[in-house]
Amino acid sequence: MQITQNHVVGELVAQDYRTAAVFKAFKIDFCCKGNRTIAEVCNKTGIDAPLLIKELTNVFQTSAANVDNANFNSWPPDLLIDYIEKKHHRYVRAKIQEIIPYLTKVASVHAETHPNLPIIRELFLQTAHNLTEHMMKEENVLFPYIRTMTNAIDTGSDFVEPFFGSVQNPIAMMHHEHNDEGERFRQISQLTNDYNPPEYACNTFRVTFALLKEFEEDLHRHIHLENNVLFPKAIELENHLCHA
């Protein structure tokens, strides 16, 4: 897409909600004042128009095709862990910080006409808290143990059984917590009408729902990689080491 200074801010956000993050970084109001062109905004604020257009163009040029299409079953467990931490754990932490202010603003402004919004906000705050703790357990306990097992097989080094007995114990806990988050997002999806804002919703309202939808989609991929790829590999590793 060729973006020019004649494009209207709010229309760009409507075409791709990810541009909202760019406008926010430049302190440009894409909601209440979203009817201005890029030229009008830049002339008024002194923002470098070519720089802004470059950042917006990068968003539109981002390809949907990425490493998510890779054959993860062929990856060794430690590489999978690196990918999960850098791709999904970083995403969760960054998006939590981005989504909560949007939800707070939308709930405070529109709660009277949309009473579900404060409930959605509380559900997401629970997700933010629980997922943060969940990822810390993985990064500090489960993932290091899987890396240790992988290294033991690769190098023939000594294998020491962990304090939690079997890898299946923390995995069972992770499965349970994954189920909790899946159920919580099913509630959020229902309360947002599958992330479809009303026709008259402002841009902030629309961006909030779009971010929640994206978060859920990433969470599904995240959980799939752990439940269906990494965890079975970890159990297989442990069985191999224990019967070697």
Protein backbone atom coordinates (compact mmCIF):
# COMPACT_ATOMS: atom_id res chain seq x y z
CA MET A 1 0.00 0.00 0.00
CA GLN A 2 1.32 3.43 -0.99
CA ILE A 3 0.73 5.80 1.91
CA THR A 4 0.76 9.53 1.21
CA GLN A 5 0.29 12.67 3.27
CA ASN A 6 -3.30 12.81 2.00
CA HIS A 7 -4.31 9.65 3.86
CA VAL A 8 -6.66 10.18 6.80
CA VAL A 9 -5.37 8.95 10.15
CA GLY A 10 -8.59 7.26 11.28
CA GLU A 11 -9.05 5.51 7.94
CA LEU A 12 -5.57 3.98 8.15
CA VAL A 13 -6.36 2.59 11.60
CA ALA A 14 -9.62 1.20 10.28
CA GLN A 15 -7.73 -0.57 7.48
CA ASP A 16 -5.08 -2.03 9.80
CA TYR A 17 -5.42 -1.63 13.56
CA ARG A 18 -1.66 -2.19 13.99
CA THR A 19 -1.12 1.37 12.76
CA ALA A 20 -2.64 2.55 16.04
CA ALA A 21 0.63 1.66 17.80
CA VAL A 22 2.54 3.89 15.35
CA PHE A 23 0.22 6.85 15.86
CA LYS A 24 0.36 6.33 19.61
CA ALA A 25 4.18 6.36 19.51
CA PHE A 26 4.05 9.71 17.68
CA LYS A 27 1.43 11.00 20.16
CA ILE A 28 -1.17 11.39 17.41
CA ASP A 29 -4.83 11.13 18.40
CA PHE A 30 -6.31 8.58 16.00
CA CYS A 31 -9.64 8.43 17.81
CA CYS A 32 -11.30 11.75 18.56
CA LYS A 33 -9.20 13.59 15.96
CA GLY A 34 -8.88 10.73 13.50
CA ASN A 35 -10.46 12.72 10.66
CA ARG A 36 -7.24 14.64 9.95
CA THR A 37 -4.83 13.83 7.15
CA ILE A 38 -1.20 12.99 7.80
CA ALA A 39 -0.26 16.34 6.28
CA GLU A 40 -2.57 18.23 8.66
CA VAL A 41 -1.25 16.39 11.69
CA CYS A 42 2.40 16.82 10.77
CA ASN A 43 2.01 20.51 9.89
CA LYS A 44 0.34 21.18 13.23
CA THR A 45 2.70 19.16 15.43
CA GLY A 46 6.00 19.43 13.56
CA ILE A 47 6.26 15.66 13.14
CA ASP A 48 8.51 14.47 10.32
CA ALA A 49 5.96 13.31 7.74
CA PRO A 50 8.32 11.06 5.73
CA LEU A 51 9.38 9.30 8.95
CA LEU A 52 5.77 8.75 10.01
CA ILE A 53 4.85 7.45 6.55
CA LYS A 54 7.85 5.10 6.62
CA GLU A 55 6.73 3.61 9.94
CA LEU A 56 3.17 3.21 8.70
CA THR A 57 4.36 1.63 5.46
CA ASN A 58 6.39 -0.90 7.44
CA VAL A 59 3.21 -2.01 9.18
CA PHE A 60 1.36 -2.59 5.92
CA GLN A 61 4.32 -4.37 4.35
CA THR A 62 4.71 -6.83 7.21
CA SER A 63 4.04 -10.21 5.70
CA ALA A 64 1.57 -12.54 7.34
CA ALA A 65 3.77 -15.45 6.27
CA ASN A 66 6.38 -16.10 8.94
CA VAL A 67 8.13 -18.79 10.89
CA ASP A 68 4.80 -19.92 12.37
CA ASN A 69 4.48 -22.05 9.23
CA ALA A 70 7.65 -23.95 10.11
CA ASN A 71 7.70 -27.66 10.87
CA PHE A 72 8.08 -27.31 14.63
CA ASN A 73 7.94 -31.06 15.14
CA SER A 74 11.39 -31.28 13.57
CA TRP A 75 12.89 -28.76 16.00
CA PRO A 76 14.87 -29.89 19.07
CA PRO A 77 13.29 -28.97 22.42
CA ASP A 78 15.83 -26.29 23.35
CA LEU A 79 15.29 -24.49 20.03
CA LEU A 80 11.53 -24.65 20.57
CA ILE A 81 11.98 -23.10 24.00
CA ASP A 82 14.09 -20.28 22.58
CA TYR A 83 11.40 -19.59 20.01
CA ILE A 84 8.54 -19.69 22.53
CA GLU A 85 10.33 -17.31 24.89
CA LYS A 86 11.40 -14.84 22.24
CA LYS A 87 8.25 -14.99 20.11
CA HIS A 88 5.36 -15.64 22.45
CA HIS A 89 6.53 -14.71 25.95
CA ARG A 90 7.88 -11.37 24.72
CA TYR A 91 4.64 -10.81 22.81
CA VAL A 92 2.49 -11.48 25.88
CA ARG A 93 4.47 -9.11 28.09
CA ALA A 94 4.48 -6.33 25.48
CA LYS A 95 0.79 -6.63 24.58
CA ILE A 96 -0.32 -6.70 28.20
CA GLN A 97 1.23 -3.27 28.63
CA GLU A 98 -0.44 -2.06 25.42
CA ILE A 99 -3.91 -3.52 25.95
CA ILE A 100 -4.59 -2.61 29.58
CA PRO A 101 -4.55 1.21 29.01
CA TYR A 102 -6.88 0.80 26.01
CA LEU A 103 -9.28 -1.39 28.01
CA THR A 104 -9.21 1.00 30.94
CA LYS A 105 -10.02 3.98 28.73
CA VAL A 106 -12.78 2.24 26.79
CA ALA A 107 -14.37 0.82 29.94
CA SER A 108 -14.34 4.22 31.66
CA VAL A 109 -15.88 6.02 28.68
CA HIS A 110 -18.37 3.44 27.38
CA ALA A 111 -19.34 1.36 30.44
CA GLU A 112 -22.76 3.00 30.71
CA THR A 113 -23.83 1.87 27.25
CA HIS A 114 -21.66 -1.28 27.20
CA PRO A 115 -21.72 -2.81 30.71
CA ASN A 116 -19.65 -5.79 29.55
CA LEU A 117 -16.55 -3.63 29.15
CA PRO A 118 -15.58 -3.46 32.86
CA ILE A 119 -16.08 -7.24 33.06
CA ILE A 120 -13.84 -7.75 30.03
CA ARG A 121 -11.22 -5.52 31.61
CA GLU A 122 -11.27 -7.51 34.87
CA LEU A 123 -11.00 -10.79 32.97
CA PHE A 124 -8.00 -9.51 31.01
CA LEU A 125 -6.35 -8.23 34.20
CA GLN A 126 -6.67 -11.75 35.60
CA THR A 127 -5.10 -13.12 32.43
CA ALA A 128 -2.27 -10.57 32.64
CA HIS A 129 -1.50 -11.54 36.24
CA ASN A 130 -1.81 -15.29 35.78
CA LEU A 131 0.06 -15.49 32.47
CA THR A 132 2.92 -13.42 33.89
CA GLU A 133 3.31 -15.87 36.79
CA HIS A 134 2.80 -18.83 34.45
CA MET A 135 5.62 -17.73 32.14
CA MET A 136 7.95 -17.19 35.10
CA LYS A 137 7.35 -20.78 36.24
CA GLU A 138 8.20 -22.02 32.77
CA GLU A 139 11.28 -19.84 32.39
CA ASN A 140 12.65 -20.52 35.89
CA VAL A 141 11.72 -24.18 36.44
CA LEU A 142 10.35 -26.21 33.53
CA PHE A 143 12.28 -24.81 30.58
CA PRO A 144 15.72 -24.98 32.28
CA TYR A 145 15.06 -28.63 33.12
CA ILE A 146 14.13 -29.43 29.53
CA ARG A 147 17.31 -27.70 28.38
CA THR A 148 19.30 -29.76 30.89
CA MET A 149 17.80 -32.98 29.54
CA THR A 150 18.50 -31.95 25.97
CA ASN A 151 22.10 -31.15 26.86
CA ALA A 152 22.50 -34.47 28.70
CA ILE A 153 21.48 -36.39 25.61
CA ASP A 154 23.53 -34.24 23.23
CA THR A 155 26.74 -34.35 25.30
CA GLY A 156 26.37 -37.50 27.38
CA SER A 157 26.69 -35.46 30.58
CA ASP A 158 25.27 -36.63 33.91
CA PHE A 159 21.54 -36.34 34.42
CA VAL A 160 20.23 -35.31 37.84
CA GLU A 161 16.58 -35.85 38.66
CA PRO A 162 14.78 -32.58 39.51
CA PHE A 163 13.23 -31.65 42.85
CA PHE A 164 9.73 -31.97 41.34
CA GLY A 165 10.21 -35.66 40.57
CA SER A 166 9.12 -36.02 36.97
CA VAL A 167 8.74 -33.50 34.18
CA GLN A 168 5.14 -34.64 33.95
CA ASN A 169 4.35 -32.86 37.24
CA PRO A 170 5.07 -29.27 36.12
CA ILE A 171 3.66 -30.13 32.69
CA ALA A 172 0.38 -31.15 34.32
CA MET A 173 0.30 -27.78 36.10
CA MET A 174 1.01 -25.93 32.85
CA HIS A 175 -1.79 -27.85 31.11
CA HIS A 176 -4.20 -26.84 33.86
CA GLU A 177 -3.20 -23.19 33.66
CA HIS A 178 -3.46 -23.25 29.86
CA ASN A 179 -7.01 -24.55 30.19
CA ASP A 180 -7.85 -21.73 32.60
CA GLU A 181 -6.64 -19.09 30.15
CA GLY A 182 -8.44 -20.74 27.26
CA GLU A 183 -11.69 -20.64 29.23
CA ARG A 184 -11.14 -17.02 30.27
CA PHE A 185 -10.66 -15.97 26.65
CA ARG A 186 -13.77 -17.89 25.63
CA GLN A 187 -15.62 -15.63 28.05
CA ILE A 188 -13.94 -12.53 26.64
CA SER A 189 -14.80 -13.64 23.11
CA GLN A 190 -18.47 -14.06 24.05
CA LEU A 191 -18.61 -10.73 25.87
CA THR A 192 -17.09 -8.92 22.86
CA ASN A 193 -19.38 -10.61 20.33
CA ASP A 194 -16.35 -12.38 18.87
CA TYR A 195 -14.41 -9.10 18.97
CA ASN A 196 -16.93 -7.25 16.82
CA PRO A 197 -17.46 -3.71 18.14
CA PRO A 198 -20.73 -1.91 17.40
CA GLU A 199 -20.88 -0.06 14.08
CA TYR A 200 -20.77 3.33 15.78
CA ALA A 201 -17.71 2.46 17.92
CA CYS A 202 -14.82 4.93 17.99
CA ASN A 203 -11.37 3.95 16.78
CA THR A 204 -10.06 3.31 20.29
CA PHE A 205 -12.95 0.91 20.88
CA ARG A 206 -12.19 -0.90 17.62
CA VAL A 207 -8.45 -1.09 18.24
CA THR A 208 -9.05 -2.53 21.72
CA PHE A 209 -11.17 -5.37 20.37
CA ALA A 210 -8.73 -6.01 17.52
CA LEU A 211 -5.83 -6.25 19.98
CA LEU A 212 -7.77 -8.67 22.17
CA LYS A 213 -8.51 -10.84 19.14
CA GLU A 214 -4.85 -10.83 18.10
CA PHE A 215 -3.84 -11.68 21.68
CA GLU A 216 -6.18 -14.67 21.75
CA GLU A 217 -4.92 -15.91 18.37
CA ASP A 218 -1.31 -15.70 19.53
CA LEU A 219 -2.23 -17.42 22.81
CA HIS A 220 -3.76 -20.31 20.87
CA ARG A 221 -0.56 -20.76 18.84
CA HIS A 222 1.52 -20.40 22.01
CA ILE A 223 -0.44 -23.05 23.90
CA HIS A 224 -0.48 -25.37 20.90
CA LEU A 225 3.32 -25.27 20.62
CA GLU A 226 3.72 -26.15 24.29
CA ASN A 227 0.92 -28.67 24.78
CA ASN A 228 1.24 -30.51 21.48
CA VAL A 229 4.89 -30.17 20.51
CA LEU A 230 7.25 -29.19 23.35
CA PHE A 231 5.72 -31.07 26.27
CA PRO A 232 5.50 -34.46 24.48
CA LYS A 233 9.13 -34.01 23.43
CA ALA A 234 10.09 -33.30 27.06
CA ILE A 235 8.32 -36.43 28.30
CA GLU A 236 10.05 -38.46 25.60
CA LEU A 237 13.42 -37.01 26.62
CA GLU A 238 12.88 -37.93 30.25
CA ASN A 239 11.76 -41.46 29.40
CA HIS A 240 14.86 -41.92 27.27
CA LEU A 241 17.18 -40.69 30.04
CA CYS A 242 15.51 -42.71 32.77
CA HIS A 243 15.73 -45.93 30.78
CA ALA A 244 19.15 -45.36 29.27
